[in-house]
Amino acid sequence: MGGSTVKTLLANAIAPGILDHYLARTGFSAQQTLTPRDPDQAVNLWGAADEDHDFGPRGIFSDVARANSTQAWLSRHRKAITAGGVVVLSGVAVFLLRRIGN
């Protein structure tokens, strides 16, 4: 899950329906552009696009796309992060217990 998905799920848990109203007002226009379509651009609405061309995951929004995601990195490394958290909390607990014992 990406960061925007996490934010959406949290917002929907806090105030369900607000996002629905927002998307009803802005969702369609947010997916439109004033840039005319290239007439040579492949059209794959009704069938497969040209199989000889690699369309890949890039497009007109590649220049604003992020190359990495903190949330995705945290998700991929959650076992190591959890283990690190346990070590840190254990160290804090030992420190506090020793301090209380003195």
Foldseek 3Di string as FASTA:
>chain_A
DAPVVVVVVVVCVVPNPPVVVVCVVCVVVVPDDPDDDDPPDFDDPPHDTDPVDDPPPDDPCVVVDDPDGPVVVCVVCVVVVVVVVVVVVVVVVVVVVVVVVD
